[in-house]
Amino acid sequence: MDNAVLEAIRGRRVVRRMTSEPVARERLEAVLAMVRWAPSAGNRRLQRFVAVQDATTLRLLRMVSPGMLQQPAALVLISIDWDRVNRFRLPRRNTGVYVDVGAAMQTLLLAAHAVGLAAGPVSSFSKAAVRVLLNLPDHLSPEVMVCLGHAAPDGPAPMRSRKLDWRELVDWERL
């Protein structure tokens, strides 16, 4: 089945080595503009995004992020806005806010791929250090970063285990 969306999903890869070439502001803005189309429970938009392009800030973020193998030229932090969560009277244990973070992350990854940028998520970082480095208010909880840049031609191949058929990942309901 040929379809541009399906091809984008199949073609997107996590990139772990990036060049030092800057990310054009227009491309970063195009990626950020797409995140508003990510699914959001009740269309509440409980996330906030911080775009980072400053080389010093990026270097400092790498120092507190053991999971960041890339040296990105830009980065988008996805945070949960707990003030908005509270305004909607959602309980803190509501897992939907984390599902929305994942949907926003995947949307950012696909948007980056669509505009020709390399991307990779990072979830291993010190939340406290990221909060300080980005001067985040207390009501924002940093959850995941999406590194953006241009793929290095000598970068490692995408990590792959043996190719799984979708049928190996799916169980059907039991009647």
C-alpha atoms as a PDB file:
ATOM      1  CA  MET A   1       0.000   0.000   0.000  1.00  0.00           C
ATOM      2  CA  ASP A   2       1.577   3.309  -1.117  1.00  0.00           C
ATOM      3  CA  ASN A   3       0.785   6.317   1.012  1.00  0.00           C
ATOM      4  CA  ALA A   4       2.970   9.310   1.935  1.00  0.00           C
ATOM      5  CA  VAL A   5       2.112   9.078   5.644  1.00  0.00           C
ATOM      6  CA  LEU A   6       2.876   5.355   5.794  1.00  0.00           C
ATOM      7  CA  GLU A   7       6.156   5.930   3.942  1.00  0.00           C
ATOM      8  CA  ALA A   8       7.102   8.687   6.404  1.00  0.00           C
ATOM      9  CA  ILE A   9       6.426   6.352   9.326  1.00  0.00           C
ATOM     10  CA  ARG A  10       8.508   3.594   7.705  1.00  0.00           C
ATOM     11  CA  GLY A  11      11.327   5.973   6.716  1.00  0.00           C
ATOM     12  CA  ARG A  12      11.791   7.861   9.987  1.00  0.00           C
ATOM     13  CA  ARG A  13      14.830   6.856  12.043  1.00  0.00           C
ATOM     14  CA  VAL A  14      16.394   7.869  15.331  1.00  0.00           C
ATOM     15  CA  VAL A  15      19.675   9.608  14.511  1.00  0.00           C
ATOM     16  CA  ARG A  16      22.456   9.374  17.075  1.00  0.00           C
ATOM     17  CA  ARG A  17      25.187  11.337  15.282  1.00  0.00           C
ATOM     18  CA  MET A  18      24.575  14.797  13.861  1.00  0.00           C
ATOM     19  CA  THR A  19      26.720  17.362  12.075  1.00  0.00           C
ATOM     20  CA  SER A  20      27.447  20.813  13.487  1.00  0.00           C
ATOM     21  CA  GLU A  21      25.404  22.437  10.706  1.00  0.00           C
ATOM     22  CA  PRO A  22      22.823  24.784  12.251  1.00  0.00           C
ATOM     23  CA  VAL A  23      19.116  24.099  11.955  1.00  0.00           C
ATOM     24  CA  ALA A  24      17.424  26.863   9.984  1.00  0.00           C
ATOM     25  CA  ARG A  25      14.926  28.744  12.144  1.00  0.00           C
ATOM     26  CA  GLU A  26      12.244  28.207   9.473  1.00  0.00           C
ATOM     27  CA  ARG A  27      12.635  24.427   9.723  1.00  0.00           C
ATOM     28  CA  LEU A  28      12.491  24.491  13.507  1.00  0.00           C
ATOM     29  CA  GLU A  29       9.378  26.662  13.380  1.00  0.00           C
ATOM     30  CA  ALA A  30       7.804  24.299  10.841  1.00  0.00           C
ATOM     31  CA  VAL A  31       8.385  21.372  13.219  1.00  0.00           C
ATOM     32  CA  LEU A  32       7.000  23.333  16.170  1.00  0.00           C
ATOM     33  CA  ALA A  33       3.936  24.374  14.171  1.00  0.00           C
ATOM     34  CA  MET A  34       3.061  20.714  13.616  1.00  0.00           C
ATOM     35  CA  VAL A  35       3.053  19.766  17.301  1.00  0.00           C
ATOM     36  CA  ARG A  36      -0.307  21.453  17.798  1.00  0.00           C
ATOM     37  CA  TRP A  37      -1.778  18.743  15.565  1.00  0.00           C
ATOM     38  CA  ALA A  38      -0.655  15.972  17.930  1.00  0.00           C
ATOM     39  CA  PRO A  39      -3.515  14.105  19.588  1.00  0.00           C
ATOM     40  CA  SER A  40      -4.319  15.468  23.034  1.00  0.00           C
ATOM     41  CA  ALA A  41      -6.830  13.994  25.498  1.00  0.00           C
ATOM     42  CA  GLY A  42      -9.878  16.216  25.478  1.00  0.00           C
ATOM     43  CA  ASN A  43      -7.931  18.616  23.227  1.00  0.00           C
ATOM     44  CA  ARG A  44      -6.609  20.125  26.472  1.00  0.00           C
ATOM     45  CA  ARG A  45      -2.997  20.736  25.335  1.00  0.00           C
ATOM     46  CA  LEU A  46      -1.379  20.082  28.705  1.00  0.00           C
ATOM     47  CA  GLN A  47       2.171  20.275  27.345  1.00  0.00           C
ATOM     48  CA  ARG A  48       4.559  23.190  26.945  1.00  0.00           C
ATOM     49  CA  PHE A  49       7.518  23.176  24.607  1.00  0.00           C
ATOM     50  CA  VAL A  50      10.884  24.872  24.935  1.00  0.00           C
ATOM     51  CA  ALA A  51      12.939  25.300  21.768  1.00  0.00           C
ATOM     52  CA  VAL A  52      16.703  25.520  22.265  1.00  0.00           C
ATOM     53  CA  GLN A  53      19.303  26.552  19.681  1.00  0.00           C
ATOM     54  CA  ASP A  54      21.996  28.214  21.787  1.00  0.00           C
ATOM     55  CA  ALA A  55      25.211  26.169  21.509  1.00  0.00           C
ATOM     56  CA  THR A  56      26.220  26.735  25.138  1.00  0.00           C
ATOM     57  CA  THR A  57      22.806  25.697  26.456  1.00  0.00           C
ATOM     58  CA  LEU A  58      22.841  22.605  24.244  1.00  0.00           C
ATOM     59  CA  ARG A  59      26.317  21.675  25.520  1.00  0.00           C
ATOM     60  CA  LEU A  60      25.165  22.091  29.144  1.00  0.00           C
ATOM     61  CA  LEU A  61      22.050  19.997  28.507  1.00  0.00           C
ATOM     62  CA  ARG A  62      24.261  17.227  27.117  1.00  0.00           C
ATOM     63  CA  MET A  63      26.266  17.282  30.343  1.00  0.00           C
ATOM     64  CA  VAL A  64      23.156  16.413  32.394  1.00  0.00           C
ATOM     65  CA  SER A  65      21.700  13.959  29.873  1.00  0.00           C
ATOM     66  CA  PRO A  66      23.476  10.594  29.802  1.00  0.00           C
ATOM     67  CA  GLY A  67      20.987   9.426  27.174  1.00  0.00           C
ATOM     68  CA  MET A  68      21.908  12.195  24.730  1.00  0.00           C
ATOM     69  CA  LEU A  69      24.393  10.592  22.351  1.00  0.00           C
ATOM     70  CA  GLN A  70      23.767  13.250  19.726  1.00  0.00           C
ATOM     71  CA  GLN A  71      25.337  16.677  19.548  1.00  0.00           C
ATOM     72  CA  PRO A  72      22.199  18.398  18.298  1.00  0.00           C
ATOM     73  CA  ALA A  73      22.054  21.810  16.653  1.00  0.00           C
ATOM     74  CA  ALA A  74      18.607  22.317  18.181  1.00  0.00           C
ATOM     75  CA  LEU A  75      16.372  20.645  20.708  1.00  0.00           C
ATOM     76  CA  VAL A  76      12.752  20.728  21.793  1.00  0.00           C
ATOM     77  CA  LEU A  77      11.882  19.953  25.390  1.00  0.00           C
ATOM     78  CA  ILE A  78       8.384  18.629  26.042  1.00  0.00           C
ATOM     79  CA  SER A  79       7.064  19.414  29.519  1.00  0.00           C
ATOM     80  CA  ILE A  80       3.813  18.791  31.322  1.00  0.00           C
ATOM     81  CA  ASP A  81       2.125  21.999  32.463  1.00  0.00           C
ATOM     82  CA  TRP A  82       0.748  20.986  35.874  1.00  0.00           C
ATOM     83  CA  ASP A  83      -1.047  24.338  36.266  1.00  0.00           C
ATOM     84  CA  ARG A  84      -3.153  23.449  33.224  1.00  0.00           C
ATOM     85  CA  VAL A  85      -3.661  19.922  34.531  1.00  0.00           C
ATOM     86  CA  ASN A  86      -4.955  21.379  37.813  1.00  0.00           C
ATOM     87  CA  ARG A  87      -7.226  23.886  36.032  1.00  0.00           C
ATOM     88  CA  PHE A  88      -8.937  20.960  34.345  1.00  0.00           C
ATOM     89  CA  ARG A  89      -9.204  19.271  37.764  1.00  0.00           C
ATOM     90  CA  LEU A  90      -7.403  16.184  36.540  1.00  0.00           C
ATOM     91  CA  PRO A  91      -5.848  13.984  39.227  1.00  0.00           C
ATOM     92  CA  ARG A  92      -2.040  13.871  39.387  1.00  0.00           C
ATOM     93  CA  ARG A  93      -2.156  10.127  38.779  1.00  0.00           C
ATOM     94  CA  ASN A  94      -3.878  10.675  35.423  1.00  0.00           C
ATOM     95  CA  THR A  95      -1.694   8.787  32.944  1.00  0.00           C
ATOM     96  CA  GLY A  96      -3.266  10.560  29.960  1.00  0.00           C
ATOM     97  CA  VAL A  97      -0.853  13.472  30.355  1.00  0.00           C
ATOM     98  CA  TYR A  98       2.045  11.106  29.690  1.00  0.00           C
ATOM     99  CA  VAL A  99       0.289   9.574  26.693  1.00  0.00           C
ATOM    100  CA  ASP A 100      -0.040  13.104  25.312  1.00  0.00           C
ATOM    101  CA  VAL A 101       3.705  13.665  25.813  1.00  0.00           C
ATOM    102  CA  GLY A 102       4.357  10.548  23.708  1.00  0.00           C
ATOM    103  CA  ALA A 103       1.958  11.683  21.005  1.00  0.00           C
ATOM    104  CA  ALA A 104       3.638  15.099  20.899  1.00  0.00           C
ATOM    105  CA  MET A 105       7.068  13.476  20.711  1.00  0.00           C
ATOM    106  CA  GLN A 106       6.080  11.225  17.814  1.00  0.00           C
ATOM    107  CA  THR A 107       4.537  14.188  16.006  1.00  0.00           C
ATOM    108  CA  LEU A 108       7.780  16.152  16.440  1.00  0.00           C
ATOM    109  CA  LEU A 109       9.827  13.198  15.169  1.00  0.00           C
ATOM    110  CA  LEU A 110       7.644  12.791  12.077  1.00  0.00           C
ATOM    111  CA  ALA A 111       7.558  16.544  11.409  1.00  0.00           C
ATOM    112  CA  ALA A 112      11.356  16.707  11.631  1.00  0.00           C
ATOM    113  CA  HIS A 113      11.619  13.838   9.171  1.00  0.00           C
ATOM    114  CA  ALA A 114       9.169  15.586   6.824  1.00  0.00           C
ATOM    115  CA  VAL A 115      11.266  18.784   6.701  1.00  0.00           C
ATOM    116  CA  GLY A 116      14.528  16.893   6.221  1.00  0.00           C
ATOM    117  CA  LEU A 117      15.904  17.051   9.754  1.00  0.00           C
ATOM    118  CA  ALA A 118      17.444  14.244  11.729  1.00  0.00           C
ATOM    119  CA  ALA A 119      15.898  13.667  15.141  1.00  0.00           C
ATOM    120  CA  GLY A 120      16.178  11.525  18.219  1.00  0.00           C
ATOM    121  CA  PRO A 121      14.356  11.457  21.547  1.00  0.00           C
ATOM    122  CA  VAL A 122      16.115  11.592  24.899  1.00  0.00           C
ATOM    123  CA  SER A 123      14.416  10.614  28.144  1.00  0.00           C
ATOM    124  CA  SER A 124      17.505   9.968  30.264  1.00  0.00           C
ATOM    125  CA  PHE A 125      18.363  13.302  31.874  1.00  0.00           C
ATOM    126  CA  SER A 126      18.343  15.077  35.212  1.00  0.00           C
ATOM    127  CA  LYS A 127      14.969  16.797  35.439  1.00  0.00           C
ATOM    128  CA  ALA A 128      16.259  19.073  38.196  1.00  0.00           C
ATOM    129  CA  ALA A 129      19.275  20.174  36.139  1.00  0.00           C
ATOM    130  CA  VAL A 130      17.183  20.725  32.998  1.00  0.00           C
ATOM    131  CA  ARG A 131      14.742  22.796  35.051  1.00  0.00           C
ATOM    132  CA  VAL A 132      17.621  25.026  36.243  1.00  0.00           C
ATOM    133  CA  LEU A 133      19.397  25.267  32.868  1.00  0.00           C
ATOM    134  CA  LEU A 134      16.213  26.292  31.060  1.00  0.00           C
ATOM    135  CA  ASN A 135      14.895  28.405  33.952  1.00  0.00           C
ATOM    136  CA  LEU A 136      11.615  26.481  33.978  1.00  0.00           C
ATOM    137  CA  PRO A 137       8.871  27.558  36.350  1.00  0.00           C
ATOM    138  CA  ASP A 138       7.880  25.033  39.032  1.00  0.00           C
ATOM    139  CA  HIS A 139       4.632  24.072  37.298  1.00  0.00           C
ATOM    140  CA  LEU A 140       6.469  22.678  34.244  1.00  0.00           C
ATOM    141  CA  SER A 141       7.800  19.140  34.497  1.00  0.00           C
ATOM    142  CA  PRO A 142      10.420  18.292  31.836  1.00  0.00           C
ATOM    143  CA  GLU A 143       9.585  14.875  30.373  1.00  0.00           C
ATOM    144  CA  VAL A 144      11.410  14.264  27.095  1.00  0.00           C
ATOM    145  CA  MET A 145      13.756  16.086  24.742  1.00  0.00           C
ATOM    146  CA  VAL A 146      13.803  15.735  20.972  1.00  0.00           C
ATOM    147  CA  CYS A 147      17.240  16.418  19.500  1.00  0.00           C
ATOM    148  CA  LEU A 148      17.257  17.980  16.037  1.00  0.00           C
ATOM    149  CA  GLY A 149      19.981  18.445  13.467  1.00  0.00           C
ATOM    150  CA  HIS A 150      21.425  17.018  10.279  1.00  0.00           C
ATOM    151  CA  ALA A 151      22.482  13.383  10.116  1.00  0.00           C
ATOM    152  CA  ALA A 152      26.230  12.832   9.987  1.00  0.00           C
ATOM    153  CA  PRO A 153      27.137  10.739   6.955  1.00  0.00           C
ATOM    154  CA  ASP A 154      29.493   8.623   9.077  1.00  0.00           C
ATOM    155  CA  GLY A 155      26.945   8.082  11.844  1.00  0.00           C
ATOM    156  CA  PRO A 156      26.045   4.645  13.142  1.00  0.00           C
ATOM    157  CA  ALA A 157      23.424   2.708  11.284  1.00  0.00           C
ATOM    158  CA  PRO A 158      19.974   2.695  12.831  1.00  0.00           C
ATOM    159  CA  MET A 159      19.704   0.244  15.695  1.00  0.00           C
ATOM    160  CA  ARG A 160      17.799  -2.765  14.525  1.00  0.00           C
ATOM    161  CA  SER A 161      17.142  -6.151  15.850  1.00  0.00           C
ATOM    162  CA  ARG A 162      15.815  -8.751  13.523  1.00  0.00           C
ATOM    163  CA  LYS A 163      12.880  -7.391  11.605  1.00  0.00           C
ATOM    164  CA  LEU A 164       9.701  -8.299  13.364  1.00  0.00           C
ATOM    165  CA  ASP A 165       6.559  -8.923  11.461  1.00  0.00           C
ATOM    166  CA  TRP A 166       3.622  -6.984  12.876  1.00  0.00           C
ATOM    167  CA  ARG A 167       1.901 -10.283  13.647  1.00  0.00           C
ATOM    168  CA  GLU A 168       4.624 -11.040  16.212  1.00  0.00           C
ATOM    169  CA  LEU A 169       3.641  -7.904  18.123  1.00  0.00           C
ATOM    170  CA  VAL A 170      -0.124  -8.315  18.098  1.00  0.00           C
ATOM    171  CA  ASP A 171      -2.496 -10.461  20.095  1.00  0.00           C
ATOM    172  CA  TRP A 172      -6.155 -10.569  19.112  1.00  0.00           C
ATOM    173  CA  GLU A 173      -8.900 -10.367  21.659  1.00  0.00           C
ATOM    174  CA  ARG A 174      -9.964 -13.632  23.187  1.00  0.00           C
ATOM    175  CA  LEU A 175     -13.647 -14.394  22.906  1.00  0.00           C
END
